[in-house]
Amino acid sequence: MLSNLNDFLIATFGPLGPLAAIAALGLVMIAATLPAMLKKRADPYAKLKAAPKPVSGRDDDKRKTLRQKSGGDKLAKYATFLEPKTEEELSSSRLKMTRAGYRGRNAVRTFHAIQFILGVLFLLFGVIYAIIASATGEISSTMLVLSVVVPGAAGYYLPKYWVERRIQSRQGEIQNGFPDALDMLLVCVEAGQSLDQGIIRVSKELSSGYPALAEEFEIVAQEVKAGKDKATVLRGFSERSGVPDVASFVTVMIQSQSFGTSIAEALRVYASEMRDKRVMRAEEAANKLPTKMTLGTMMFTVPPLLIILVGPSVYDMLQIFKNFKP
């Protein structure tokens, strides 16, 4: 049946008939699915539950003003399509975007919009390439499908790869600059400043060398100024950074505050441990270097060396065998 359909499409539309049929079927499926996803009806019970309680007078006007959404977000009407459906997935996506440095309220929505747009664009590029390749010469069905599917998959996963790289870069920067930040914080505390003032000072001093870490310390300082509990603020710092050293520092600070011990002494001990860990990481990277260089050495050094050393002898032996007459 499939072979008969393929022959019919080739006979009717030419060699590109099957590709055109697949492209048309994909567009029809997208066109049929998008309206159902974008025009999803809200649950009446959820709408009733989210409705504000009626109040009177000026409080009613204030309530309406506070609940009014901003009209500047162009992707708000596509929220049900561009955001995860469950609260756990949404929280995980927001945490991932925060760790990558994108703290906007609509960061998750924008990420999924870019992912969808790039996937569709790269898919169209793949279709155009497949059409051109089929018109200029014969191409197998497998290569035809791969030339369409692979660009679409690459465009879809490219934003995810970018975010993962951003997370790794920020975490590496925070991990490298954290011992220096602890040393500065220890100096500030021993000079007579409080922990909050020391964090503000450290965030200003680290803004040029470690901007990601300075930004995190500035957020901690602003949240403490806003009146949030210090333990909650420190735990948020640990979750946003995603670095084990920061999590250990937060645990030490919370325990020191709970038991009433000296913060300066805890900082001194922990800063010394962080310096030792940084030296150990540097030594570990240095010890890995010879192993990583082995493959390159074997590929690019040994063959030329063998050619230089053994090549003349092989050439002489070939000349002897060539001139040898029995």
C-alpha atoms as a PDB file:
ATOM      1  CA  MET A   1       0.000   0.000   0.000  1.00  0.00           C
ATOM      2  CA  LEU A   2       2.765   2.418   0.898  1.00  0.00           C
ATOM      3  CA  SER A   3       4.687   1.582  -2.288  1.00  0.00           C
ATOM      4  CA  ASN A   4       1.557   2.189  -4.378  1.00  0.00           C
ATOM      5  CA  LEU A   5       0.979   5.511  -2.623  1.00  0.00           C
ATOM      6  CA  ASN A   6       4.618   6.469  -3.183  1.00  0.00           C
ATOM      7  CA  ASP A   7       4.374   5.607  -6.883  1.00  0.00           C
ATOM      8  CA  PHE A   8       1.138   7.586  -7.190  1.00  0.00           C
ATOM      9  CA  LEU A   9       2.696  10.686  -5.551  1.00  0.00           C
ATOM     10  CA  ILE A  10       5.794  10.457  -7.782  1.00  0.00           C
ATOM     11  CA  ALA A  11       3.683  10.031 -10.887  1.00  0.00           C
ATOM     12  CA  THR A  12       1.378  12.926  -9.947  1.00  0.00           C
ATOM     13  CA  PHE A  13       3.721  15.502  -8.411  1.00  0.00           C
ATOM     14  CA  GLY A  14       7.107  14.388  -9.630  1.00  0.00           C
ATOM     15  CA  PRO A  15      10.150  13.137  -7.664  1.00  0.00           C
ATOM     16  CA  LEU A  16       9.398  15.542  -4.816  1.00  0.00           C
ATOM     17  CA  GLY A  17       5.856  14.255  -4.383  1.00  0.00           C
ATOM     18  CA  PRO A  18       6.457  12.199  -1.177  1.00  0.00           C
ATOM     19  CA  LEU A  19       8.375  15.056   0.446  1.00  0.00           C
ATOM     20  CA  ALA A  20       5.648  17.543  -0.423  1.00  0.00           C
ATOM     21  CA  ALA A  21       3.004  15.200   0.985  1.00  0.00           C
ATOM     22  CA  ILE A  22       4.924  14.789   4.265  1.00  0.00           C
ATOM     23  CA  ALA A  23       5.395  18.568   4.553  1.00  0.00           C
ATOM     24  CA  ALA A  24       1.707  19.199   3.873  1.00  0.00           C
ATOM     25  CA  LEU A  25       0.685  16.558   6.431  1.00  0.00           C
ATOM     26  CA  GLY A  26       2.951  18.167   9.052  1.00  0.00           C
ATOM     27  CA  LEU A  27       1.518  21.627   8.413  1.00  0.00           C
ATOM     28  CA  VAL A  28      -2.031  20.280   8.648  1.00  0.00           C
ATOM     29  CA  MET A  29      -1.285  18.575  11.968  1.00  0.00           C
ATOM     30  CA  ILE A  30       0.301  21.747  13.382  1.00  0.00           C
ATOM     31  CA  ALA A  31      -2.610  23.862  12.189  1.00  0.00           C
ATOM     32  CA  ALA A  32      -5.081  21.428  13.750  1.00  0.00           C
ATOM     33  CA  THR A  33      -3.257  21.208  17.080  1.00  0.00           C
ATOM     34  CA  LEU A  34      -2.354  24.854  17.754  1.00  0.00           C
ATOM     35  CA  PRO A  35      -5.934  26.212  18.113  1.00  0.00           C
ATOM     36  CA  ALA A  36      -6.844  23.492  20.590  1.00  0.00           C
ATOM     37  CA  MET A  37      -3.737  24.219  22.686  1.00  0.00           C
ATOM     38  CA  LEU A  38      -3.961  28.007  22.527  1.00  0.00           C
ATOM     39  CA  LYS A  39      -7.709  28.215  23.205  1.00  0.00           C
ATOM     40  CA  LYS A  40      -7.755  25.923  26.193  1.00  0.00           C
ATOM     41  CA  ARG A  41     -10.785  26.644  28.344  1.00  0.00           C
ATOM     42  CA  ALA A  42     -10.101  27.532  31.941  1.00  0.00           C
ATOM     43  CA  ASP A  43     -11.503  25.350  34.674  1.00  0.00           C
ATOM     44  CA  PRO A  44     -14.558  27.110  36.196  1.00  0.00           C
ATOM     45  CA  TYR A  45     -13.658  25.870  39.673  1.00  0.00           C
ATOM     46  CA  ALA A  46     -10.123  27.228  39.352  1.00  0.00           C
ATOM     47  CA  LYS A  47     -11.494  30.558  38.084  1.00  0.00           C
ATOM     48  CA  LEU A  48     -13.884  30.764  41.043  1.00  0.00           C
ATOM     49  CA  LYS A  49     -11.115  29.859  43.461  1.00  0.00           C
ATOM     50  CA  ALA A  50      -8.751  32.501  42.052  1.00  0.00           C
ATOM     51  CA  ALA A  51     -11.367  35.265  42.093  1.00  0.00           C
ATOM     52  CA  PRO A  52     -10.669  37.928  44.774  1.00  0.00           C
ATOM     53  CA  LYS A  53     -13.063  38.299  47.660  1.00  0.00           C
ATOM     54  CA  PRO A  54     -15.432  41.266  47.333  1.00  0.00           C
ATOM     55  CA  VAL A  55     -14.461  44.335  49.337  1.00  0.00           C
ATOM     56  CA  SER A  56     -15.983  47.774  49.424  1.00  0.00           C
ATOM     57  CA  GLY A  57     -14.880  51.357  48.925  1.00  0.00           C
ATOM     58  CA  ARG A  58     -11.320  52.335  48.200  1.00  0.00           C
ATOM     59  CA  ASP A  59     -10.003  48.902  49.133  1.00  0.00           C
ATOM     60  CA  ASP A  60     -11.883  47.490  46.137  1.00  0.00           C
ATOM     61  CA  ASP A  61     -10.187  49.965  43.792  1.00  0.00           C
ATOM     62  CA  LYS A  62      -6.772  49.202  45.268  1.00  0.00           C
ATOM     63  CA  ARG A  63      -7.416  45.484  44.952  1.00  0.00           C
ATOM     64  CA  LYS A  64      -8.348  45.870  41.278  1.00  0.00           C
ATOM     65  CA  THR A  65      -5.282  47.997  40.612  1.00  0.00           C
ATOM     66  CA  LEU A  66      -2.948  45.534  42.281  1.00  0.00           C
ATOM     67  CA  ARG A  67      -4.443  42.560  40.432  1.00  0.00           C
ATOM     68  CA  GLN A  68      -4.301  44.233  37.033  1.00  0.00           C
ATOM     69  CA  LYS A  69      -1.810  42.519  34.757  1.00  0.00           C
ATOM     70  CA  SER A  70       0.677  44.444  32.667  1.00  0.00           C
ATOM     71  CA  GLY A  71      -0.105  44.559  28.969  1.00  0.00           C
ATOM     72  CA  GLY A  72       3.535  44.696  27.867  1.00  0.00           C
ATOM     73  CA  ASP A  73       4.011  40.943  27.767  1.00  0.00           C
ATOM     74  CA  LYS A  74       3.353  39.783  24.198  1.00  0.00           C
ATOM     75  CA  LEU A  75       3.494  36.099  25.164  1.00  0.00           C
ATOM     76  CA  ALA A  76       0.864  36.214  27.924  1.00  0.00           C
ATOM     77  CA  LYS A  77      -1.902  34.784  25.716  1.00  0.00           C
ATOM     78  CA  TYR A  78       0.339  31.818  24.848  1.00  0.00           C
ATOM     79  CA  ALA A  79       1.123  31.009  28.490  1.00  0.00           C
ATOM     80  CA  THR A  80      -0.779  27.702  28.461  1.00  0.00           C
ATOM     81  CA  PHE A  81       1.230  26.606  25.425  1.00  0.00           C
ATOM     82  CA  LEU A  82       4.665  27.967  26.379  1.00  0.00           C
ATOM     83  CA  GLU A  83       4.788  27.092  30.094  1.00  0.00           C
ATOM     84  CA  PRO A  84       4.874  23.723  31.880  1.00  0.00           C
ATOM     85  CA  LYS A  85       1.517  22.426  32.996  1.00  0.00           C
ATOM     86  CA  THR A  86       2.416  21.289  36.531  1.00  0.00           C
ATOM     87  CA  GLU A  87       3.686  23.412  39.405  1.00  0.00           C
ATOM     88  CA  GLU A  88       6.710  21.149  39.963  1.00  0.00           C
ATOM     89  CA  GLU A  89       7.896  21.445  36.374  1.00  0.00           C
ATOM     90  CA  LEU A  90       7.336  25.204  36.400  1.00  0.00           C
ATOM     91  CA  SER A  91       9.324  25.612  39.628  1.00  0.00           C
ATOM     92  CA  SER A  92      12.141  23.461  38.233  1.00  0.00           C
ATOM     93  CA  SER A  93      12.237  25.501  35.011  1.00  0.00           C
ATOM     94  CA  ARG A  94      12.270  28.781  36.938  1.00  0.00           C
ATOM     95  CA  LEU A  95      15.103  27.550  39.144  1.00  0.00           C
ATOM     96  CA  LYS A  96      17.097  26.484  36.092  1.00  0.00           C
ATOM     97  CA  MET A  97      16.600  29.854  34.412  1.00  0.00           C
ATOM     98  CA  THR A  98      17.554  31.637  37.632  1.00  0.00           C
ATOM     99  CA  ARG A  99      20.755  29.619  37.889  1.00  0.00           C
ATOM    100  CA  ALA A 100      21.521  30.584  34.292  1.00  0.00           C
ATOM    101  CA  GLY A 101      21.178  34.271  35.227  1.00  0.00           C
ATOM    102  CA  TYR A 102      17.766  34.944  33.654  1.00  0.00           C
ATOM    103  CA  ARG A 103      15.687  36.256  36.546  1.00  0.00           C
ATOM    104  CA  GLY A 104      12.813  37.835  34.625  1.00  0.00           C
ATOM    105  CA  ARG A 105       9.268  36.960  35.502  1.00  0.00           C
ATOM    106  CA  ASN A 106       8.649  35.665  31.983  1.00  0.00           C
ATOM    107  CA  ALA A 107      12.003  33.910  31.559  1.00  0.00           C
ATOM    108  CA  VAL A 108      10.474  30.421  31.311  1.00  0.00           C
ATOM    109  CA  ARG A 109       7.872  31.577  28.812  1.00  0.00           C
ATOM    110  CA  THR A 110      10.475  33.345  26.693  1.00  0.00           C
ATOM    111  CA  PHE A 111      12.747  30.292  26.767  1.00  0.00           C
ATOM    112  CA  HIS A 112      10.042  27.963  25.490  1.00  0.00           C
ATOM    113  CA  ALA A 113       9.010  30.515  22.840  1.00  0.00           C
ATOM    114  CA  ILE A 114      12.587  30.731  21.548  1.00  0.00           C
ATOM    115  CA  GLN A 115      12.860  26.953  21.624  1.00  0.00           C
ATOM    116  CA  PHE A 116       9.675  26.555  19.588  1.00  0.00           C
ATOM    117  CA  ILE A 117      10.588  29.282  17.070  1.00  0.00           C
ATOM    118  CA  LEU A 118      14.110  27.952  16.486  1.00  0.00           C
ATOM    119  CA  GLY A 119      12.797  24.411  16.094  1.00  0.00           C
ATOM    120  CA  VAL A 120      10.288  25.506  13.427  1.00  0.00           C
ATOM    121  CA  LEU A 121      12.820  27.724  11.611  1.00  0.00           C
ATOM    122  CA  PHE A 122      15.504  25.058  11.477  1.00  0.00           C
ATOM    123  CA  LEU A 123      12.881  22.548  10.337  1.00  0.00           C
ATOM    124  CA  LEU A 124      11.916  24.858   7.467  1.00  0.00           C
ATOM    125  CA  PHE A 125      15.583  25.278   6.560  1.00  0.00           C
ATOM    126  CA  GLY A 126      15.915  21.501   6.483  1.00  0.00           C
ATOM    127  CA  VAL A 127      12.877  21.203   4.203  1.00  0.00           C
ATOM    128  CA  ILE A 128      14.303  23.838   1.836  1.00  0.00           C
ATOM    129  CA  TYR A 129      17.665  22.062   1.773  1.00  0.00           C
ATOM    130  CA  ALA A 130      15.963  18.732   1.078  1.00  0.00           C
ATOM    131  CA  ILE A 131      13.989  20.257  -1.802  1.00  0.00           C
ATOM    132  CA  ILE A 132      17.115  21.809  -3.316  1.00  0.00           C
ATOM    133  CA  ALA A 133      19.124  18.594  -2.891  1.00  0.00           C
ATOM    134  CA  SER A 134      16.367  16.527  -4.479  1.00  0.00           C
ATOM    135  CA  ALA A 135      16.114  18.932  -7.395  1.00  0.00           C
ATOM    136  CA  THR A 136      19.849  19.038  -8.111  1.00  0.00           C
ATOM    137  CA  GLY A 137      20.515  15.327  -7.783  1.00  0.00           C
ATOM    138  CA  GLU A 138      19.267  12.022  -6.473  1.00  0.00           C
ATOM    139  CA  ILE A 139      19.185  11.579  -2.715  1.00  0.00           C
ATOM    140  CA  SER A 140      18.155   8.570  -0.668  1.00  0.00           C
ATOM    141  CA  SER A 141      15.022   8.548   1.470  1.00  0.00           C
ATOM    142  CA  THR A 142      17.056   8.173   4.661  1.00  0.00           C
ATOM    143  CA  MET A 143      19.182  11.217   3.906  1.00  0.00           C
ATOM    144  CA  LEU A 144      16.051  13.113   2.923  1.00  0.00           C
ATOM    145  CA  VAL A 145      14.398  12.424   6.280  1.00  0.00           C
ATOM    146  CA  LEU A 146      17.588  13.154   8.221  1.00  0.00           C
ATOM    147  CA  SER A 147      18.124  16.456   6.412  1.00  0.00           C
ATOM    148  CA  VAL A 148      14.685  17.549   7.636  1.00  0.00           C
ATOM    149  CA  VAL A 149      14.591  16.052  11.129  1.00  0.00           C
ATOM    150  CA  VAL A 150      18.159  16.758  12.286  1.00  0.00           C
ATOM    151  CA  PRO A 151      18.028  20.568  11.793  1.00  0.00           C
ATOM    152  CA  GLY A 152      14.669  20.727  13.570  1.00  0.00           C
ATOM    153  CA  ALA A 153      16.000  18.757  16.535  1.00  0.00           C
ATOM    154  CA  ALA A 154      19.158  20.895  16.611  1.00  0.00           C
ATOM    155  CA  GLY A 155      17.116  24.105  16.644  1.00  0.00           C
ATOM    156  CA  TYR A 156      14.873  22.755  19.397  1.00  0.00           C
ATOM    157  CA  TYR A 157      17.721  21.675  21.678  1.00  0.00           C
ATOM    158  CA  LEU A 158      20.031  24.623  20.979  1.00  0.00           C
ATOM    159  CA  PRO A 159      18.427  26.920  23.641  1.00  0.00           C
ATOM    160  CA  LYS A 160      18.568  24.113  26.188  1.00  0.00           C
ATOM    161  CA  TYR A 161      22.267  23.594  25.467  1.00  0.00           C
ATOM    162  CA  TRP A 162      22.852  27.347  25.805  1.00  0.00           C
ATOM    163  CA  VAL A 163      21.125  27.435  29.205  1.00  0.00           C
ATOM    164  CA  GLU A 164      23.092  24.437  30.450  1.00  0.00           C
ATOM    165  CA  ARG A 165      26.357  26.058  29.384  1.00  0.00           C
ATOM    166  CA  ARG A 166      25.330  29.278  31.122  1.00  0.00           C
ATOM    167  CA  ILE A 167      24.585  27.373  34.322  1.00  0.00           C
ATOM    168  CA  GLN A 168      27.958  25.617  34.247  1.00  0.00           C
ATOM    169  CA  SER A 169      29.770  28.893  33.541  1.00  0.00           C
ATOM    170  CA  ARG A 170      28.049  30.746  36.383  1.00  0.00           C
ATOM    171  CA  GLN A 171      28.553  27.902  38.837  1.00  0.00           C
ATOM    172  CA  GLY A 172      32.242  27.697  37.923  1.00  0.00           C
ATOM    173  CA  GLU A 173      32.604  31.447  38.421  1.00  0.00           C
ATOM    174  CA  ILE A 174      30.849  31.311  41.795  1.00  0.00           C
ATOM    175  CA  GLN A 175      32.958  28.345  42.900  1.00  0.00           C
ATOM    176  CA  ASN A 176      36.223  30.020  41.900  1.00  0.00           C
ATOM    177  CA  GLY A 177      35.416  33.345  43.524  1.00  0.00           C
ATOM    178  CA  PHE A 178      33.820  32.049  46.701  1.00  0.00           C
ATOM    179  CA  PRO A 179      37.074  31.638  48.730  1.00  0.00           C
ATOM    180  CA  ASP A 180      38.062  35.238  47.955  1.00  0.00           C
ATOM    181  CA  ALA A 181      34.573  36.395  48.934  1.00  0.00           C
ATOM    182  CA  LEU A 182      34.840  34.566  52.268  1.00  0.00           C
ATOM    183  CA  ASP A 183      38.224  36.159  52.950  1.00  0.00           C
ATOM    184  CA  MET A 184      36.777  39.623  52.285  1.00  0.00           C
ATOM    185  CA  LEU A 185      33.746  38.850  54.420  1.00  0.00           C
ATOM    186  CA  LEU A 186      35.990  37.673  57.261  1.00  0.00           C
ATOM    187  CA  VAL A 187      38.013  40.903  57.083  1.00  0.00           C
ATOM    188  CA  CYS A 188      34.812  42.974  57.202  1.00  0.00           C
ATOM    189  CA  VAL A 189      33.391  41.062  60.183  1.00  0.00           C
ATOM    190  CA  GLU A 190      36.669  41.221  62.126  1.00  0.00           C
ATOM    191  CA  ALA A 191      36.848  44.975  61.397  1.00  0.00           C
ATOM    192  CA  GLY A 192      33.607  45.472  63.319  1.00  0.00           C
ATOM    193  CA  GLN A 193      30.967  45.369  60.597  1.00  0.00           C
ATOM    194  CA  SER A 194      27.899  43.185  60.833  1.00  0.00           C
ATOM    195  CA  LEU A 195      27.363  40.239  58.512  1.00  0.00           C
ATOM    196  CA  ASP A 196      24.805  42.186  56.461  1.00  0.00           C
ATOM    197  CA  GLN A 197      27.112  45.163  55.983  1.00  0.00           C
ATOM    198  CA  GLY A 198      29.970  42.825  55.130  1.00  0.00           C
ATOM    199  CA  ILE A 199      27.866  41.127  52.436  1.00  0.00           C
ATOM    200  CA  ILE A 200      27.053  44.530  50.885  1.00  0.00           C
ATOM    201  CA  ARG A 201      30.730  45.471  50.904  1.00  0.00           C
ATOM    202  CA  VAL A 202      31.782  42.157  49.373  1.00  0.00           C
ATOM    203  CA  SER A 203      29.170  42.475  46.609  1.00  0.00           C
ATOM    204  CA  LYS A 204      30.614  45.861  45.646  1.00  0.00           C
ATOM    205  CA  GLU A 205      34.214  44.659  45.688  1.00  0.00           C
ATOM    206  CA  LEU A 206      33.524  41.517  43.619  1.00  0.00           C
ATOM    207  CA  SER A 207      31.462  43.221  40.901  1.00  0.00           C
ATOM    208  CA  SER A 208      34.433  43.532  38.521  1.00  0.00           C
ATOM    209  CA  GLY A 209      36.130  40.153  39.071  1.00  0.00           C
ATOM    210  CA  TYR A 210      33.180  37.827  39.757  1.00  0.00           C
ATOM    211  CA  PRO A 211      29.958  39.546  38.603  1.00  0.00           C
ATOM    212  CA  ALA A 212      27.765  36.461  39.074  1.00  0.00           C
ATOM    213  CA  LEU A 213      28.836  36.021  42.710  1.00  0.00           C
ATOM    214  CA  ALA A 214      28.530  39.774  43.334  1.00  0.00           C
ATOM    215  CA  GLU A 215      24.989  39.682  41.973  1.00  0.00           C
ATOM    216  CA  GLU A 216      24.054  36.818  44.296  1.00  0.00           C
ATOM    217  CA  PHE A 217      25.478  38.631  47.347  1.00  0.00           C
ATOM    218  CA  GLU A 218      23.622  41.787  46.336  1.00  0.00           C
ATOM    219  CA  ILE A 219      20.346  39.849  46.156  1.00  0.00           C
ATOM    220  CA  VAL A 220      21.032  38.444  49.625  1.00  0.00           C
ATOM    221  CA  ALA A 221      21.682  41.952  50.982  1.00  0.00           C
ATOM    222  CA  GLN A 222      18.527  43.385  49.413  1.00  0.00           C
ATOM    223  CA  GLU A 223      16.361  40.543  50.714  1.00  0.00           C
ATOM    224  CA  VAL A 224      17.721  41.005  54.230  1.00  0.00           C
ATOM    225  CA  LYS A 225      17.004  44.739  53.967  1.00  0.00           C
ATOM    226  CA  ALA A 226      13.460  43.934  52.890  1.00  0.00           C
ATOM    227  CA  GLY A 227      12.900  42.119  56.196  1.00  0.00           C
ATOM    228  CA  LYS A 228      13.042  38.481  55.199  1.00  0.00           C
ATOM    229  CA  ASP A 229      14.349  35.932  57.655  1.00  0.00           C
ATOM    230  CA  LYS A 230      18.114  35.534  57.318  1.00  0.00           C
ATOM    231  CA  ALA A 231      17.962  31.733  57.312  1.00  0.00           C
ATOM    232  CA  THR A 232      15.409  31.794  54.486  1.00  0.00           C
ATOM    233  CA  VAL A 233      17.525  34.275  52.519  1.00  0.00           C
ATOM    234  CA  LEU A 234      20.647  32.129  52.881  1.00  0.00           C
ATOM    235  CA  ARG A 235      18.785  28.993  51.825  1.00  0.00           C
ATOM    236  CA  GLY A 236      17.533  30.848  48.748  1.00  0.00           C
ATOM    237  CA  PHE A 237      21.130  31.835  47.997  1.00  0.00           C
ATOM    238  CA  SER A 238      22.121  28.167  48.136  1.00  0.00           C
ATOM    239  CA  GLU A 239      19.278  27.076  45.827  1.00  0.00           C
ATOM    240  CA  ARG A 240      19.939  29.824  43.265  1.00  0.00           C
ATOM    241  CA  SER A 241      23.656  29.127  43.028  1.00  0.00           C
ATOM    242  CA  GLY A 242      23.513  25.310  42.993  1.00  0.00           C
ATOM    243  CA  VAL A 243      27.135  25.105  44.240  1.00  0.00           C
ATOM    244  CA  PRO A 244      27.951  22.606  47.039  1.00  0.00           C
ATOM    245  CA  ASP A 245      30.446  25.006  48.667  1.00  0.00           C
ATOM    246  CA  VAL A 246      27.743  27.655  48.999  1.00  0.00           C
ATOM    247  CA  ALA A 247      25.332  25.090  50.466  1.00  0.00           C
ATOM    248  CA  SER A 248      27.916  24.140  53.092  1.00  0.00           C
ATOM    249  CA  PHE A 249      28.556  27.819  53.878  1.00  0.00           C
ATOM    250  CA  VAL A 250      24.827  28.417  54.328  1.00  0.00           C
ATOM    251  CA  THR A 251      24.592  25.454  56.707  1.00  0.00           C
ATOM    252  CA  VAL A 252      27.530  26.779  58.758  1.00  0.00           C
ATOM    253  CA  MET A 253      26.020  30.281  58.978  1.00  0.00           C
ATOM    254  CA  ILE A 254      22.582  29.008  60.004  1.00  0.00           C
ATOM    255  CA  GLN A 255      24.051  26.723  62.665  1.00  0.00           C
ATOM    256  CA  SER A 256      26.279  29.520  63.947  1.00  0.00           C
ATOM    257  CA  GLN A 257      23.286  31.830  64.227  1.00  0.00           C
ATOM    258  CA  SER A 258      21.137  29.155  65.886  1.00  0.00           C
ATOM    259  CA  PHE A 259      23.714  28.145  68.533  1.00  0.00           C
ATOM    260  CA  GLY A 260      24.997  31.670  69.121  1.00  0.00           C
ATOM    261  CA  THR A 261      28.633  30.946  68.294  1.00  0.00           C
ATOM    262  CA  SER A 262      31.056  33.472  66.843  1.00  0.00           C
ATOM    263  CA  ILE A 263      30.431  34.166  63.166  1.00  0.00           C
ATOM    264  CA  ALA A 264      34.011  35.421  62.712  1.00  0.00           C
ATOM    265  CA  GLU A 265      35.448  32.155  64.017  1.00  0.00           C
ATOM    266  CA  ALA A 266      33.151  30.092  61.798  1.00  0.00           C
ATOM    267  CA  LEU A 267      34.106  32.232  58.795  1.00  0.00           C
ATOM    268  CA  ARG A 268      37.815  31.885  59.577  1.00  0.00           C
ATOM    269  CA  VAL A 269      37.651  28.077  59.711  1.00  0.00           C
ATOM    270  CA  TYR A 270      35.426  27.751  56.660  1.00  0.00           C
ATOM    271  CA  ALA A 271      37.455  30.251  54.583  1.00  0.00           C
ATOM    272  CA  SER A 272      40.584  28.226  55.297  1.00  0.00           C
ATOM    273  CA  GLU A 273      38.830  25.064  54.161  1.00  0.00           C
ATOM    274  CA  MET A 274      37.652  26.779  50.961  1.00  0.00           C
ATOM    275  CA  ARG A 275      41.190  27.886  50.138  1.00  0.00           C
ATOM    276  CA  ASP A 276      42.441  24.339  50.658  1.00  0.00           C
ATOM    277  CA  LYS A 277      39.677  22.986  48.421  1.00  0.00           C
ATOM    278  CA  ARG A 278      40.560  25.457  45.675  1.00  0.00           C
ATOM    279  CA  VAL A 279      44.194  24.363  45.807  1.00  0.00           C
ATOM    280  CA  MET A 280      43.087  20.719  45.681  1.00  0.00           C
ATOM    281  CA  ARG A 281      40.903  21.413  42.634  1.00  0.00           C
ATOM    282  CA  ALA A 282      43.831  23.107  40.905  1.00  0.00           C
ATOM    283  CA  GLU A 283      46.100  20.151  41.690  1.00  0.00           C
ATOM    284  CA  GLU A 284      43.426  17.734  40.438  1.00  0.00           C
ATOM    285  CA  ALA A 285      43.147  19.639  37.160  1.00  0.00           C
ATOM    286  CA  ALA A 286      46.937  19.667  36.818  1.00  0.00           C
ATOM    287  CA  ASN A 287      47.102  15.906  37.424  1.00  0.00           C
ATOM    288  CA  LYS A 288      44.444  15.296  34.763  1.00  0.00           C
ATOM    289  CA  LEU A 289      46.378  17.285  32.181  1.00  0.00           C
ATOM    290  CA  PRO A 290      48.982  14.584  31.258  1.00  0.00           C
ATOM    291  CA  THR A 291      46.213  12.043  30.733  1.00  0.00           C
ATOM    292  CA  LYS A 292      44.315  14.416  28.450  1.00  0.00           C
ATOM    293  CA  MET A 293      47.476  15.195  26.500  1.00  0.00           C
ATOM    294  CA  THR A 294      48.321  11.528  25.915  1.00  0.00           C
ATOM    295  CA  LEU A 295      45.945  11.102  22.969  1.00  0.00           C
ATOM    296  CA  GLY A 296      47.130  14.303  21.302  1.00  0.00           C
ATOM    297  CA  THR A 297      50.741  13.338  21.864  1.00  0.00           C
ATOM    298  CA  MET A 298      50.217   9.900  20.362  1.00  0.00           C
ATOM    299  CA  MET A 299      48.380  11.292  17.334  1.00  0.00           C
ATOM    300  CA  PHE A 300      50.484  14.349  16.477  1.00  0.00           C
ATOM    301  CA  THR A 301      53.938  13.631  17.904  1.00  0.00           C
ATOM    302  CA  VAL A 302      54.686   9.913  17.578  1.00  0.00           C
ATOM    303  CA  PRO A 303      53.872   9.472  13.843  1.00  0.00           C
ATOM    304  CA  PRO A 304      56.106  12.376  12.666  1.00  0.00           C
ATOM    305  CA  LEU A 305      58.862  11.144  14.984  1.00  0.00           C
ATOM    306  CA  LEU A 306      58.664   7.631  13.532  1.00  0.00           C
ATOM    307  CA  ILE A 307      58.726   9.035   9.996  1.00  0.00           C
ATOM    308  CA  ILE A 308      61.864  11.057  10.795  1.00  0.00           C
ATOM    309  CA  LEU A 309      63.667   8.185  12.534  1.00  0.00           C
ATOM    310  CA  VAL A 310      62.549   5.153  10.551  1.00  0.00           C
ATOM    311  CA  GLY A 311      61.858   6.791   7.167  1.00  0.00           C
ATOM    312  CA  PRO A 312      65.482   6.972   5.902  1.00  0.00           C
ATOM    313  CA  SER A 313      66.157   3.363   6.874  1.00  0.00           C
ATOM    314  CA  VAL A 314      63.014   2.169   5.097  1.00  0.00           C
ATOM    315  CA  TYR A 315      63.979   4.184   2.012  1.00  0.00           C
ATOM    316  CA  ASP A 316      67.479   2.690   1.943  1.00  0.00           C
ATOM    317  CA  MET A 317      66.084  -0.820   2.318  1.00  0.00           C
ATOM    318  CA  LEU A 318      63.692  -0.230  -0.575  1.00  0.00           C
ATOM    319  CA  GLN A 319      66.550   1.012  -2.747  1.00  0.00           C
ATOM    320  CA  ILE A 320      68.652  -2.064  -1.892  1.00  0.00           C
ATOM    321  CA  PHE A 321      65.810  -4.415  -2.775  1.00  0.00           C
ATOM    322  CA  LYS A 322      65.174  -2.467  -5.974  1.00  0.00           C
ATOM    323  CA  ASN A 323      68.820  -2.682  -7.110  1.00  0.00           C
ATOM    324  CA  PHE A 324      69.285  -6.216  -5.982  1.00  0.00           C
ATOM    325  CA  LYS A 325      69.816  -8.658  -8.858  1.00  0.00           C
ATOM    326  CA  PRO A 326      69.865 -12.388  -8.121  1.00  0.00           C
END
